[in-house]
Amino acid sequence: MNFTAKEIISSLGGVAAVSRILNIKMQSVSEWLKNERIPEGRLARLAPFAEKATAGKERPITRKKLFPEDYLSRWPELGERNTKKNS
């Protein structure tokens, strides 16, 4: 499932909120909206915040959905959660 830069940034409270989370200039975040793309490294840092902000929503943004190929190597604790649930 793909999420747009606008959806992710909006879910976190907008440009100002994302710039505070990452401690970067608002102009950088605005550029992501303009280009419709969040750089991968920044997206990886925002993913846990977006997951928490959208938990229980109709269309939650999860780390697994954002990085389906390598979410376990990025966040090994997600695999541990699944193991604990299945025990």
PDB file of N, CA and C in Angstrom:
ATOM      1  N   MET A   1       0.844  -1.170   0.000  1.00  0.00           N
ATOM      2  CA  MET A   1       0.000   0.000   0.000  1.00  0.00           C
ATOM      3  C   MET A   1       0.891   1.234   0.000  1.00  0.00           C
ATOM      4  N   ASN A   2       0.640   2.123  -0.909  1.00  0.00           N
ATOM      5  CA  ASN A   2       1.434   3.335  -1.015  1.00  0.00           C
ATOM      6  C   ASN A   2       0.749   4.495  -0.320  1.00  0.00           C
ATOM      7  N   PHE A   3       1.545   5.321   0.291  1.00  0.00           N
ATOM      8  CA  PHE A   3       1.062   6.527   0.932  1.00  0.00           C
ATOM      9  C   PHE A   3       1.772   7.698   0.288  1.00  0.00           C
ATOM     10  N   THR A   4       1.041   8.781   0.091  1.00  0.00           N
ATOM     11  CA  THR A   4       1.656   9.968  -0.490  1.00  0.00           C
ATOM     12  C   THR A   4       2.402  10.745   0.585  1.00  0.00           C
ATOM     13  N   ALA A   5       3.314  11.591   0.133  1.00  0.00           N
ATOM     14  CA  ALA A   5       4.022  12.461   1.067  1.00  0.00           C
ATOM     15  C   ALA A   5       3.010  13.315   1.822  1.00  0.00           C
ATOM     16  N   LYS A   6       1.997  13.776   1.134  1.00  0.00           N
ATOM     17  CA  LYS A   6       0.962  14.614   1.767  1.00  0.00           C
ATOM     18  C   LYS A   6       0.243  13.855   2.877  1.00  0.00           C
ATOM     19  N   GLU A   7      -0.111  12.598   2.623  1.00  0.00           N
ATOM     20  CA  GLU A   7      -0.790  11.790   3.645  1.00  0.00           C
ATOM     21  C   GLU A   7       0.080  11.607   4.886  1.00  0.00           C
ATOM     22  N   ILE A   8       1.342  11.313   4.662  1.00  0.00           N
ATOM     23  CA  ILE A   8       2.252  11.061   5.785  1.00  0.00           C
ATOM     24  C   ILE A   8       2.485  12.335   6.583  1.00  0.00           C
ATOM     25  N   ILE A   9       2.772  13.414   5.894  1.00  0.00           N
ATOM     26  CA  ILE A   9       3.032  14.685   6.569  1.00  0.00           C
ATOM     27  C   ILE A   9       1.785  15.173   7.301  1.00  0.00           C
ATOM     28  N   SER A  10       0.642  15.053   6.664  1.00  0.00           N
ATOM     29  CA  SER A  10      -0.617  15.455   7.304  1.00  0.00           C
ATOM     30  C   SER A  10      -0.904  14.624   8.547  1.00  0.00           C
ATOM     31  N   SER A  11      -0.625  13.331   8.475  1.00  0.00           N
ATOM     32  CA  SER A  11      -0.895  12.454   9.618  1.00  0.00           C
ATOM     33  C   SER A  11      -0.068  12.837  10.837  1.00  0.00           C
ATOM     34  N   LEU A  12       1.048  13.497  10.590  1.00  0.00           N
ATOM     35  CA  LEU A  12       1.951  13.892  11.674  1.00  0.00           C
ATOM     36  C   LEU A  12       1.721  15.323  12.149  1.00  0.00           C
ATOM     37  N   GLY A  13       0.730  15.996  11.559  1.00  0.00           N
ATOM     38  CA  GLY A  13       0.396  17.338  12.010  1.00  0.00           C
ATOM     39  C   GLY A  13       0.835  18.454  11.090  1.00  0.00           C
ATOM     40  N   GLY A  14       1.365  18.108   9.924  1.00  0.00           N
ATOM     41  CA  GLY A  14       1.730  19.119   8.942  1.00  0.00           C
ATOM     42  C   GLY A  14       3.216  19.413   8.870  1.00  0.00           C
ATOM     43  N   VAL A  15       3.535  20.375   8.046  1.00  0.00           N
ATOM     44  CA  VAL A  15       4.920  20.721   7.745  1.00  0.00           C
ATOM     45  C   VAL A  15       5.688  21.132   8.999  1.00  0.00           C
ATOM     46  N   ALA A  16       5.112  22.004   9.800  1.00  0.00           N
ATOM     47  CA  ALA A  16       5.803  22.494  10.998  1.00  0.00           C
ATOM     48  C   ALA A  16       6.087  21.349  11.971  1.00  0.00           C
ATOM     49  N   ALA A  17       5.112  20.469  12.150  1.00  0.00           N
ATOM     50  CA  ALA A  17       5.290  19.345  13.082  1.00  0.00           C
ATOM     51  C   ALA A  17       6.397  18.405  12.604  1.00  0.00           C
ATOM     52  N   VAL A  18       6.404  18.100  11.319  1.00  0.00           N
ATOM     53  CA  VAL A  18       7.434  17.200  10.777  1.00  0.00           C
ATOM     54  C   VAL A  18       8.811  17.849  10.884  1.00  0.00           C
ATOM     55  N   SER A  19       8.886  19.131  10.624  1.00  0.00           N
ATOM     56  CA  SER A  19      10.186  19.799  10.735  1.00  0.00           C
ATOM     57  C   SER A  19      10.686  19.765  12.179  1.00  0.00           C
ATOM     58  N   ARG A  20       9.786  19.874  13.148  1.00  0.00           N
ATOM     59  CA  ARG A  20      10.189  19.770  14.557  1.00  0.00           C
ATOM     60  C   ARG A  20      10.633  18.346  14.898  1.00  0.00           C
ATOM     61  N   ILE A  21       9.895  17.357  14.427  1.00  0.00           N
ATOM     62  CA  ILE A  21      10.248  15.962  14.715  1.00  0.00           C
ATOM     63  C   ILE A  21      11.664  15.657  14.236  1.00  0.00           C
ATOM     64  N   LEU A  22      11.981  16.118  13.042  1.00  0.00           N
ATOM     65  CA  LEU A  22      13.274  15.806  12.430  1.00  0.00           C
ATOM     66  C   LEU A  22      14.344  16.868  12.697  1.00  0.00           C
ATOM     67  N   ASN A  23      13.925  17.966  13.319  1.00  0.00           N
ATOM     68  CA  ASN A  23      14.841  19.072  13.599  1.00  0.00           C
ATOM     69  C   ASN A  23      15.482  19.591  12.306  1.00  0.00           C
ATOM     70  N   ILE A  24      14.618  19.861  11.327  1.00  0.00           N
ATOM     71  CA  ILE A  24      15.058  20.402  10.042  1.00  0.00           C
ATOM     72  C   ILE A  24      14.200  21.616   9.701  1.00  0.00           C
ATOM     73  N   LYS A  25      14.561  22.317   8.659  1.00  0.00           N
ATOM     74  CA  LYS A  25      13.810  23.502   8.239  1.00  0.00           C
ATOM     75  C   LYS A  25      12.485  23.113   7.590  1.00  0.00           C
ATOM     76  N   MET A  26      11.481  23.958   7.837  1.00  0.00           N
ATOM     77  CA  MET A  26      10.169  23.731   7.228  1.00  0.00           C
ATOM     78  C   MET A  26      10.264  23.730   5.703  1.00  0.00           C
ATOM     79  N   GLN A  27      11.175  24.506   5.174  1.00  0.00           N
ATOM     80  CA  GLN A  27      11.358  24.574   3.729  1.00  0.00           C
ATOM     81  C   GLN A  27      11.677  23.204   3.137  1.00  0.00           C
ATOM     82  N   SER A  28      12.462  22.410   3.848  1.00  0.00           N
ATOM     83  CA  SER A  28      12.802  21.065   3.362  1.00  0.00           C
ATOM     84  C   SER A  28      11.555  20.197   3.266  1.00  0.00           C
ATOM     85  N   VAL A  29      10.731  20.247   4.289  1.00  0.00           N
ATOM     86  CA  VAL A  29       9.506  19.450   4.301  1.00  0.00           C
ATOM     87  C   VAL A  29       8.555  19.940   3.209  1.00  0.00           C
ATOM     88  N   SER A  30       8.478  21.241   3.016  1.00  0.00           N
ATOM     89  CA  SER A  30       7.632  21.793   1.949  1.00  0.00           C
ATOM     90  C   SER A  30       8.090  21.302   0.579  1.00  0.00           C
ATOM     91  N   GLU A  31       9.401  21.166   0.406  1.00  0.00           N
ATOM     92  CA  GLU A  31       9.930  20.648  -0.858  1.00  0.00           C
ATOM     93  C   GLU A  31       9.468  19.213  -1.097  1.00  0.00           C
ATOM     94  N   TRP A  32       9.403  18.425  -0.026  1.00  0.00           N
ATOM     95  CA  TRP A  32       8.929  17.040  -0.170  1.00  0.00           C
ATOM     96  C   TRP A  32       7.500  17.027  -0.686  1.00  0.00           C
ATOM     97  N   LEU A  33       6.683  17.935  -0.161  1.00  0.00           N
ATOM     98  CA  LEU A  33       5.297  18.018  -0.634  1.00  0.00           C
ATOM     99  C   LEU A  33       5.272  18.414  -2.106  1.00  0.00           C
ATOM    100  N   LYS A  34       6.074  19.402  -2.448  1.00  0.00           N
ATOM    101  CA  LYS A  34       6.139  19.881  -3.833  1.00  0.00           C
ATOM    102  C   LYS A  34       6.578  18.765  -4.772  1.00  0.00           C
ATOM    103  N   ASN A  35       7.587  18.005  -4.358  1.00  0.00           N
ATOM    104  CA  ASN A  35       8.131  16.918  -5.183  1.00  0.00           C
ATOM    105  C   ASN A  35       7.369  15.610  -5.018  1.00  0.00           C
ATOM    106  N   GLU A  36       6.426  15.592  -4.075  1.00  0.00           N
ATOM    107  CA  GLU A  36       5.622  14.402  -3.781  1.00  0.00           C
ATOM    108  C   GLU A  36       6.487  13.202  -3.410  1.00  0.00           C
ATOM    109  N   ARG A  37       7.562  13.471  -2.652  1.00  0.00           N
ATOM    110  CA  ARG A  37       8.477  12.393  -2.260  1.00  0.00           C
ATOM    111  C   ARG A  37       9.226  12.777  -0.991  1.00  0.00           C
ATOM    112  N   ILE A  38       9.234  11.862  -0.028  1.00  0.00           N
ATOM    113  CA  ILE A  38      10.015  12.020   1.194  1.00  0.00           C
ATOM    114  C   ILE A  38      11.268  11.167   1.033  1.00  0.00           C
ATOM    115  N   PRO A  39      12.456  11.747   1.228  1.00  0.00           N
ATOM    116  CA  PRO A  39      13.678  10.945   1.107  1.00  0.00           C
ATOM    117  C   PRO A  39      13.625   9.716   2.027  1.00  0.00           C
ATOM    118  N   GLU A  40      14.152   8.611   1.552  1.00  0.00           N
ATOM    119  CA  GLU A  40      14.036   7.328   2.259  1.00  0.00           C
ATOM    120  C   GLU A  40      14.531   7.394   3.706  1.00  0.00           C
ATOM    121  N   GLY A  41      15.661   8.010   3.933  1.00  0.00           N
ATOM    122  CA  GLY A  41      16.202   8.095   5.288  1.00  0.00           C
ATOM    123  C   GLY A  41      15.286   8.877   6.221  1.00  0.00           C
ATOM    124  N   ARG A  42      14.728   9.954   5.707  1.00  0.00           N
ATOM    125  CA  ARG A  42      13.790  10.762   6.504  1.00  0.00           C
ATOM    126  C   ARG A  42      12.493   9.988   6.741  1.00  0.00           C
ATOM    127  N   LEU A  43      12.046   9.286   5.715  1.00  0.00           N
ATOM    128  CA  LEU A  43      10.829   8.485   5.857  1.00  0.00           C
ATOM    129  C   LEU A  43      11.007   7.406   6.913  1.00  0.00           C
ATOM    130  N   ALA A  44      12.166   6.789   6.939  1.00  0.00           N
ATOM    131  CA  ALA A  44      12.439   5.758   7.940  1.00  0.00           C
ATOM    132  C   ALA A  44      12.391   6.343   9.353  1.00  0.00           C
ATOM    133  N   ARG A  45      12.873   7.575   9.506  1.00  0.00           N
ATOM    134  CA  ARG A  45      12.821   8.209  10.825  1.00  0.00           C
ATOM    135  C   ARG A  45      11.404   8.619  11.199  1.00  0.00           C
ATOM    136  N   LEU A  46      10.587   8.967  10.209  1.00  0.00           N
ATOM    137  CA  LEU A  46       9.202   9.377  10.473  1.00  0.00           C
ATOM    138  C   LEU A  46       8.259   8.195  10.655  1.00  0.00           C
ATOM    139  N   ALA A  47       8.607   7.054  10.113  1.00  0.00           N
ATOM    140  CA  ALA A  47       7.703   5.902  10.099  1.00  0.00           C
ATOM    141  C   ALA A  47       7.146   5.528  11.474  1.00  0.00           C
ATOM    142  N   PRO A  48       7.958   5.421  12.519  1.00  0.00           N
ATOM    143  CA  PRO A  48       7.382   5.074  13.829  1.00  0.00           C
ATOM    144  C   PRO A  48       6.389   6.127  14.347  1.00  0.00           C
ATOM    145  N   PHE A  49       6.678   7.400  14.057  1.00  0.00           N
ATOM    146  CA  PHE A  49       5.773   8.472  14.475  1.00  0.00           C
ATOM    147  C   PHE A  49       4.448   8.382  13.717  1.00  0.00           C
ATOM    148  N   ALA A  50       4.528   8.124  12.411  1.00  0.00           N
ATOM    149  CA  ALA A  50       3.323   7.990  11.596  1.00  0.00           C
ATOM    150  C   ALA A  50       2.514   6.774  12.026  1.00  0.00           C
ATOM    151  N   GLU A  51       3.205   5.697  12.358  1.00  0.00           N
ATOM    152  CA  GLU A  51       2.519   4.482  12.806  1.00  0.00           C
ATOM    153  C   GLU A  51       1.728   4.763  14.081  1.00  0.00           C
ATOM    154  N   LYS A  52       2.357   5.444  15.008  1.00  0.00           N
ATOM    155  CA  LYS A  52       1.683   5.775  16.271  1.00  0.00           C
ATOM    156  C   LYS A  52       0.514   6.739  16.039  1.00  0.00           C
ATOM    157  N   ALA A  53       0.723   7.732  15.189  1.00  0.00           N
ATOM    158  CA  ALA A  53      -0.304   8.750  14.932  1.00  0.00           C
ATOM    159  C   ALA A  53      -1.532   8.194  14.223  1.00  0.00           C
ATOM    160  N   THR A  54      -1.344   7.134  13.447  1.00  0.00           N
ATOM    161  CA  THR A  54      -2.471   6.607  12.659  1.00  0.00           C
ATOM    162  C   THR A  54      -3.005   5.273  13.178  1.00  0.00           C
ATOM    163  N   ALA A  55      -2.493   4.813  14.302  1.00  0.00           N
ATOM    164  CA  ALA A  55      -2.979   3.543  14.876  1.00  0.00           C
ATOM    165  C   ALA A  55      -4.479   3.643  15.122  1.00  0.00           C
ATOM    166  N   GLY A  56      -5.206   2.630  14.680  1.00  0.00           N
ATOM    167  CA  GLY A  56      -6.645   2.596  14.873  1.00  0.00           C
ATOM    168  C   GLY A  56      -7.444   3.369  13.840  1.00  0.00           C
ATOM    169  N   LYS A  57      -6.761   4.023  12.926  1.00  0.00           N
ATOM    170  CA  LYS A  57      -7.448   4.777  11.867  1.00  0.00           C
ATOM    171  C   LYS A  57      -7.873   3.820  10.757  1.00  0.00           C
ATOM    172  N   GLU A  58      -8.729   4.318   9.878  1.00  0.00           N
ATOM    173  CA  GLU A  58      -9.225   3.507   8.769  1.00  0.00           C
ATOM    174  C   GLU A  58      -8.094   3.036   7.854  1.00  0.00           C
ATOM    175  N   ARG A  59      -7.111   3.894   7.635  1.00  0.00           N
ATOM    176  CA  ARG A  59      -5.980   3.556   6.769  1.00  0.00           C
ATOM    177  C   ARG A  59      -4.678   3.847   7.519  1.00  0.00           C
ATOM    178  N   PRO A  60      -4.284   2.966   8.444  1.00  0.00           N
ATOM    179  CA  PRO A  60      -3.085   3.233   9.240  1.00  0.00           C
ATOM    180  C   PRO A  60      -1.807   3.161   8.404  1.00  0.00           C
ATOM    181  N   ILE A  61      -0.888   4.037   8.741  1.00  0.00           N
ATOM    182  CA  ILE A  61       0.428   4.041   8.111  1.00  0.00           C
ATOM    183  C   ILE A  61       1.335   3.237   9.032  1.00  0.00           C
ATOM    184  N   THR A  62       1.828   2.115   8.542  1.00  0.00           N
ATOM    185  CA  THR A  62       2.685   1.279   9.377  1.00  0.00           C
ATOM    186  C   THR A  62       4.076   1.175   8.768  1.00  0.00           C
ATOM    187  N   ARG A  63       5.033   0.846   9.618  1.00  0.00           N
ATOM    188  CA  ARG A  63       6.401   0.662   9.135  1.00  0.00           C
ATOM    189  C   ARG A  63       6.458  -0.487   8.141  1.00  0.00           C
ATOM    190  N   LYS A  64       5.688  -1.515   8.376  1.00  0.00           N
ATOM    191  CA  LYS A  64       5.674  -2.671   7.471  1.00  0.00           C
ATOM    192  C   LYS A  64       5.135  -2.278   6.093  1.00  0.00           C
ATOM    193  N   LYS A  65       4.119  -1.427   6.065  1.00  0.00           N
ATOM    194  CA  LYS A  65       3.566  -0.991   4.778  1.00  0.00           C
ATOM    195  C   LYS A  65       4.505  -0.025   4.053  1.00  0.00           C
ATOM    196  N   LEU A  66       5.217   0.793   4.811  1.00  0.00           N
ATOM    197  CA  LEU A  66       6.128   1.746   4.185  1.00  0.00           C
ATOM    198  C   LEU A  66       7.394   1.087   3.653  1.00  0.00           C
ATOM    199  N   PHE A  67       7.850   0.046   4.349  1.00  0.00           N
ATOM    200  CA  PHE A  67       9.085  -0.650   3.975  1.00  0.00           C
ATOM    201  C   PHE A  67       8.857  -2.161   3.964  1.00  0.00           C
ATOM    202  N   PRO A  68       7.994  -2.654   3.070  1.00  0.00           N
ATOM    203  CA  PRO A  68       7.648  -4.082   3.094  1.00  0.00           C
ATOM    204  C   PRO A  68       8.827  -5.025   2.858  1.00  0.00           C
ATOM    205  N   GLU A  69       9.817  -4.587   2.116  1.00  0.00           N
ATOM    206  CA  GLU A  69      10.946  -5.450   1.774  1.00  0.00           C
ATOM    207  C   GLU A  69      11.941  -5.609   2.922  1.00  0.00           C
ATOM    208  N   ASP A  70      12.086  -4.583   3.743  1.00  0.00           N
ATOM    209  CA  ASP A  70      13.161  -4.636   4.740  1.00  0.00           C
ATOM    210  C   ASP A  70      12.770  -4.093   6.116  1.00  0.00           C
ATOM    211  N   TYR A  71      11.488  -4.075   6.415  1.00  0.00           N
ATOM    212  CA  TYR A  71      11.076  -3.521   7.706  1.00  0.00           C
ATOM    213  C   TYR A  71      11.679  -4.279   8.888  1.00  0.00           C
ATOM    214  N   LEU A  72      11.868  -5.587   8.762  1.00  0.00           N
ATOM    215  CA  LEU A  72      12.441  -6.344   9.882  1.00  0.00           C
ATOM    216  C   LEU A  72      13.917  -6.037  10.112  1.00  0.00           C
ATOM    217  N   SER A  73      14.642  -5.743   9.056  1.00  0.00           N
ATOM    218  CA  SER A  73      16.049  -5.384   9.256  1.00  0.00           C
ATOM    219  C   SER A  73      16.162  -3.970   9.823  1.00  0.00           C
ATOM    220  N   ARG A  74      15.209  -3.118   9.516  1.00  0.00           N
ATOM    221  CA  ARG A  74      15.204  -1.754  10.049  1.00  0.00           C
ATOM    222  C   ARG A  74      14.706  -1.720  11.498  1.00  0.00           C
ATOM    223  N   TRP A  75      13.680  -2.514  11.777  1.00  0.00           N
ATOM    224  CA  TRP A  75      13.047  -2.525  13.096  1.00  0.00           C
ATOM    225  C   TRP A  75      12.850  -3.974  13.559  1.00  0.00           C
ATOM    226  N   PRO A  76      13.907  -4.618  14.033  1.00  0.00           N
ATOM    227  CA  PRO A  76      13.820  -6.027  14.435  1.00  0.00           C
ATOM    228  C   PRO A  76      12.749  -6.287  15.492  1.00  0.00           C
ATOM    229  N   GLU A  77      12.447  -5.281  16.292  1.00  0.00           N
ATOM    230  CA  GLU A  77      11.433  -5.464  17.338  1.00  0.00           C
ATOM    231  C   GLU A  77      10.053  -5.792  16.766  1.00  0.00           C
ATOM    232  N   LEU A  78       9.801  -5.455  15.519  1.00  0.00           N
ATOM    233  CA  LEU A  78       8.513  -5.800  14.905  1.00  0.00           C
ATOM    234  C   LEU A  78       8.389  -7.311  14.727  1.00  0.00           C
ATOM    235  N   GLY A  79       9.478  -7.982  14.465  1.00  0.00           N
ATOM    236  CA  GLY A  79       9.466  -9.440  14.371  1.00  0.00           C
ATOM    237  C   GLY A  79       9.255 -10.073  15.726  1.00  0.00           C
ATOM    238  N   GLU A  80       9.820  -9.465  16.751  1.00  0.00           N
ATOM    239  CA  GLU A  80       9.662  -9.967  18.115  1.00  0.00           C
ATOM    240  C   GLU A  80       8.210  -9.872  18.559  1.00  0.00           C
ATOM    241  N   ARG A  81       7.528  -8.806  18.154  1.00  0.00           N
ATOM    242  CA  ARG A  81       6.105  -8.659  18.502  1.00  0.00           C
ATOM    243  C   ARG A  81       5.287  -9.792  17.914  1.00  0.00           C
ATOM    244  N   ASN A  82       5.565 -10.125  16.653  1.00  0.00           N
ATOM    245  CA  ASN A  82       4.820 -11.206  16.000  1.00  0.00           C
ATOM    246  C   ASN A  82       5.091 -12.532  16.672  1.00  0.00           C
ATOM    247  N   THR A  83       6.333 -12.768  17.078  1.00  0.00           N
ATOM    248  CA  THR A  83       6.693 -14.013  17.746  1.00  0.00           C
ATOM    249  C   THR A  83       5.971 -14.115  19.082  1.00  0.00           C
ATOM    250  N   LYS A  84       5.924 -13.030  19.836  1.00  0.00           N
ATOM    251  CA  LYS A  84       5.259 -13.030  21.142  1.00  0.00           C
ATOM    252  C   LYS A  84       3.757 -13.253  21.003  1.00  0.00           C
ATOM    253  N   LYS A  85       3.148 -12.657  19.952  1.00  0.00           N
ATOM    254  CA  LYS A  85       1.712 -12.825  19.732  1.00  0.00           C
ATOM    255  C   LYS A  85       1.379 -14.280  19.399  1.00  0.00           C
ATOM    256  N   ASN A  86       2.273 -14.953  18.697  1.00  0.00           N
ATOM    257  CA  ASN A  86       2.018 -16.316  18.279  1.00  0.00           C
ATOM    258  C   ASN A  86       2.363 -17.347  19.346  1.00  0.00           C
ATOM    259  N   SER A  87       2.949 -16.918  20.458  1.00  0.00           N
ATOM    260  CA  SER A  87       3.336 -17.855  21.530  1.00  0.00           C
ATOM    261  C   SER A  87       2.169 -18.217  22.404  1.00  0.00           C
TER     262      SER A  87
END
